[in-house]
Amino acid sequence: MDLVHPRDNEALCRLVDRYRARCLWFLREGYYPETPADALRVLDSIQRHGDVEAFQRAGALKQWLLAPSSAKSVSS
């Protein structure tokens, strides 16, 4: 399973930090998604509970996350 490391994805971490109190209040302090599935759940929550800007930012990150990676083809 692919992991999403906070140090590798600063945009995701910044978005989580920005909307933690408003949209992600149910997550523990300091939580960051570690898998793509976790990231998608967090982004869905931000879109569901945030404002228009949150919806757009989370949507852009979801597109990035769901985009096919060329990294797998490099190793073949």
N, C-alpha and C. Protein backbone atom coordinates (compact mmCIF):
# COMPACT_ATOMS: atom_id res chain seq x y z
N MET A 1 0.84 -1.18 0.00
CA MET A 1 0.00 0.00 0.00
C MET A 1 0.88 1.24 0.00
N ASP A 2 0.56 2.18 -0.84
CA ASP A 2 1.32 3.42 -0.90
C ASP A 2 1.01 4.28 0.31
N LEU A 3 2.01 4.96 0.80
CA LEU A 3 1.84 5.83 1.96
C LEU A 3 1.92 7.28 1.53
N VAL A 4 1.26 8.12 2.29
CA VAL A 4 1.32 9.56 2.08
C VAL A 4 2.05 10.11 3.30
N HIS A 5 3.29 10.51 3.12
CA HIS A 5 4.07 11.05 4.24
C HIS A 5 3.92 12.56 4.30
N PRO A 6 3.67 13.11 5.48
CA PRO A 6 3.53 14.56 5.62
C PRO A 6 4.70 15.32 5.03
N ARG A 7 5.91 14.82 5.20
CA ARG A 7 7.07 15.55 4.69
C ARG A 7 7.10 15.57 3.17
N ASP A 8 6.45 14.58 2.55
CA ASP A 8 6.40 14.51 1.10
C ASP A 8 5.22 15.26 0.51
N ASN A 9 4.27 15.61 1.31
CA ASN A 9 3.09 16.27 0.79
C ASN A 9 2.70 17.45 1.69
N GLU A 10 3.46 18.50 1.56
CA GLU A 10 3.23 19.68 2.40
C GLU A 10 1.88 20.32 2.15
N ALA A 11 1.39 20.29 0.92
CA ALA A 11 0.10 20.91 0.61
C ALA A 11 -1.03 20.23 1.38
N LEU A 12 -1.00 18.91 1.43
CA LEU A 12 -2.02 18.17 2.17
C LEU A 12 -1.95 18.51 3.65
N CYS A 13 -0.77 18.55 4.21
CA CYS A 13 -0.61 18.86 5.63
C CYS A 13 -1.07 20.28 5.95
N ARG A 14 -0.73 21.22 5.08
CA ARG A 14 -1.17 22.60 5.30
C ARG A 14 -2.69 22.69 5.28
N LEU A 15 -3.32 21.98 4.34
CA LEU A 15 -4.78 22.00 4.26
C LEU A 15 -5.39 21.36 5.51
N VAL A 16 -4.85 20.25 5.96
CA VAL A 16 -5.33 19.61 7.18
C VAL A 16 -5.19 20.58 8.35
N ASP A 17 -4.05 21.22 8.48
CA ASP A 17 -3.85 22.16 9.59
C ASP A 17 -4.82 23.34 9.51
N ARG A 18 -5.04 23.85 8.29
CA ARG A 18 -5.90 25.01 8.12
C ARG A 18 -7.35 24.70 8.51
N TYR A 19 -7.82 23.50 8.18
CA TYR A 19 -9.22 23.18 8.40
C TYR A 19 -9.44 22.17 9.53
N ARG A 20 -8.42 21.92 10.32
CA ARG A 20 -8.53 20.94 11.40
C ARG A 20 -9.64 21.29 12.39
N ALA A 21 -9.68 22.51 12.88
CA ALA A 21 -10.66 22.88 13.90
C ALA A 21 -12.09 22.92 13.34
N ARG A 22 -12.23 23.35 12.13
CA ARG A 22 -13.57 23.52 11.56
C ARG A 22 -14.13 22.23 10.95
N CYS A 23 -13.31 21.49 10.24
CA CYS A 23 -13.79 20.35 9.46
C CYS A 23 -13.32 19.00 9.97
N LEU A 24 -12.25 18.98 10.73
CA LEU A 24 -11.65 17.72 11.16
C LEU A 24 -11.55 17.64 12.68
N TRP A 25 -12.50 18.25 13.36
CA TRP A 25 -12.50 18.32 14.82
C TRP A 25 -12.52 16.94 15.45
N PHE A 26 -13.00 15.93 14.74
CA PHE A 26 -13.14 14.58 15.29
C PHE A 26 -11.84 13.79 15.22
N LEU A 27 -10.82 14.33 14.55
CA LEU A 27 -9.52 13.65 14.46
C LEU A 27 -8.63 14.11 15.61
N ARG A 28 -7.74 13.23 16.03
CA ARG A 28 -6.85 13.59 17.14
C ARG A 28 -5.89 14.70 16.69
N GLU A 29 -5.46 15.48 17.64
CA GLU A 29 -4.48 16.55 17.40
C GLU A 29 -3.22 15.96 16.79
N GLY A 30 -2.72 16.57 15.77
CA GLY A 30 -1.50 16.10 15.14
C GLY A 30 -1.68 14.99 14.13
N TYR A 31 -2.93 14.59 13.87
CA TYR A 31 -3.18 13.53 12.89
C TYR A 31 -2.96 14.04 11.47
N TYR A 32 -2.27 13.22 10.68
CA TYR A 32 -2.13 13.45 9.24
C TYR A 32 -2.37 12.12 8.54
N PRO A 33 -3.06 12.14 7.41
CA PRO A 33 -3.33 10.88 6.71
C PRO A 33 -2.04 10.21 6.26
N GLU A 34 -1.99 8.89 6.38
CA GLU A 34 -0.80 8.14 6.01
C GLU A 34 -0.98 7.31 4.75
N THR A 35 -2.21 7.07 4.35
CA THR A 35 -2.46 6.29 3.14
C THR A 35 -3.33 7.13 2.20
N PRO A 36 -3.32 6.80 0.93
CA PRO A 36 -4.20 7.51 0.00
C PRO A 36 -5.67 7.42 0.40
N ALA A 37 -6.11 6.28 0.90
CA ALA A 37 -7.50 6.12 1.34
C ALA A 37 -7.81 7.06 2.51
N ASP A 38 -6.88 7.17 3.46
CA ASP A 38 -7.05 8.10 4.59
C ASP A 38 -7.10 9.54 4.08
N ALA A 39 -6.23 9.86 3.15
CA ALA A 39 -6.19 11.21 2.60
C ALA A 39 -7.51 11.55 1.91
N LEU A 40 -8.06 10.61 1.16
CA LEU A 40 -9.33 10.85 0.49
C LEU A 40 -10.46 11.07 1.49
N ARG A 41 -10.47 10.30 2.58
CA ARG A 41 -11.50 10.50 3.61
C ARG A 41 -11.37 11.88 4.25
N VAL A 42 -10.15 12.31 4.53
CA VAL A 42 -9.92 13.62 5.13
C VAL A 42 -10.35 14.72 4.16
N LEU A 43 -9.98 14.58 2.90
CA LEU A 43 -10.35 15.58 1.90
C LEU A 43 -11.86 15.63 1.70
N ASP A 44 -12.52 14.49 1.75
CA ASP A 44 -13.99 14.48 1.66
C ASP A 44 -14.61 15.24 2.84
N SER A 45 -14.05 15.06 4.03
CA SER A 45 -14.57 15.76 5.21
C SER A 45 -14.36 17.27 5.08
N ILE A 46 -13.22 17.66 4.57
CA ILE A 46 -12.96 19.09 4.37
C ILE A 46 -13.95 19.65 3.36
N GLN A 47 -14.20 18.93 2.28
CA GLN A 47 -15.17 19.41 1.28
C GLN A 47 -16.57 19.46 1.86
N ARG A 48 -16.93 18.50 2.67
CA ARG A 48 -18.29 18.42 3.22
C ARG A 48 -18.55 19.51 4.27
N HIS A 49 -17.55 19.79 5.09
CA HIS A 49 -17.78 20.69 6.23
C HIS A 49 -17.16 22.07 6.08
N GLY A 50 -16.44 22.30 5.01
CA GLY A 50 -15.76 23.58 4.83
C GLY A 50 -16.54 24.56 3.97
N ASP A 51 -15.89 25.66 3.69
CA ASP A 51 -16.47 26.68 2.83
C ASP A 51 -16.10 26.40 1.36
N VAL A 52 -16.44 27.33 0.49
CA VAL A 52 -16.18 27.14 -0.94
C VAL A 52 -14.68 26.99 -1.20
N GLU A 53 -13.88 27.80 -0.55
CA GLU A 53 -12.42 27.71 -0.74
C GLU A 53 -11.90 26.34 -0.30
N ALA A 54 -12.39 25.85 0.83
CA ALA A 54 -11.99 24.52 1.31
C ALA A 54 -12.39 23.45 0.31
N PHE A 55 -13.60 23.57 -0.23
CA PHE A 55 -14.08 22.60 -1.21
C PHE A 55 -13.17 22.57 -2.44
N GLN A 56 -12.80 23.75 -2.91
CA GLN A 56 -11.95 23.83 -4.10
C GLN A 56 -10.54 23.32 -3.83
N ARG A 57 -9.96 23.70 -2.72
CA ARG A 57 -8.60 23.25 -2.39
C ARG A 57 -8.55 21.73 -2.20
N ALA A 58 -9.51 21.21 -1.46
CA ALA A 58 -9.54 19.76 -1.24
C ALA A 58 -9.78 19.03 -2.57
N GLY A 59 -10.61 19.59 -3.43
CA GLY A 59 -10.86 18.99 -4.72
C GLY A 59 -9.61 18.92 -5.58
N ALA A 60 -8.82 19.98 -5.55
CA ALA A 60 -7.57 19.99 -6.32
C ALA A 60 -6.61 18.92 -5.81
N LEU A 61 -6.52 18.76 -4.49
CA LEU A 61 -5.65 17.73 -3.93
C LEU A 61 -6.18 16.33 -4.23
N LYS A 62 -7.48 16.17 -4.24
CA LYS A 62 -8.05 14.86 -4.60
C LYS A 62 -7.70 14.50 -6.04
N GLN A 63 -7.76 15.47 -6.94
CA GLN A 63 -7.39 15.21 -8.33
C GLN A 63 -5.94 14.78 -8.41
N TRP A 64 -5.07 15.45 -7.67
CA TRP A 64 -3.64 15.09 -7.66
C TRP A 64 -3.46 13.68 -7.12
N LEU A 65 -4.17 13.38 -6.04
CA LEU A 65 -4.04 12.08 -5.39
C LEU A 65 -4.56 10.94 -6.28
N LEU A 66 -5.62 11.20 -7.00
CA LEU A 66 -6.24 10.17 -7.83
C LEU A 66 -5.60 10.06 -9.23
N ALA A 67 -4.76 11.02 -9.58
CA ALA A 67 -4.12 10.98 -10.90
C ALA A 67 -3.20 9.77 -11.00
N PRO A 68 -3.21 9.12 -12.16
CA PRO A 68 -2.29 7.98 -12.33
C PRO A 68 -0.84 8.46 -12.23
N SER A 69 -0.06 7.69 -11.51
CA SER A 69 1.33 8.06 -11.29
C SER A 69 2.21 7.45 -12.38
N SER A 70 3.15 8.24 -12.86
CA SER A 70 4.09 7.71 -13.83
C SER A 70 5.26 7.05 -13.12
N ALA A 71 5.32 7.16 -11.79
CA ALA A 71 6.42 6.57 -11.04
C ALA A 71 6.44 5.05 -11.17
N LYS A 72 5.26 4.44 -11.23
CA LYS A 72 5.22 2.99 -11.36
C LYS A 72 5.77 2.54 -12.70
N SER A 73 5.54 3.32 -13.75
CA SER A 73 6.03 2.93 -15.06
C SER A 73 7.54 3.10 -15.19
N VAL A 74 8.11 3.96 -14.36
CA VAL A 74 9.57 4.17 -14.38
C VAL A 74 10.28 2.92 -13.91
N SER A 75 9.71 2.24 -12.93
CA SER A 75 10.37 1.06 -12.38
C SER A 75 10.23 -0.18 -13.26
N SER A 76 9.36 -0.13 -14.27
CA SER A 76 9.18 -1.32 -15.11
C SER A 76 10.20 -1.39 -16.23
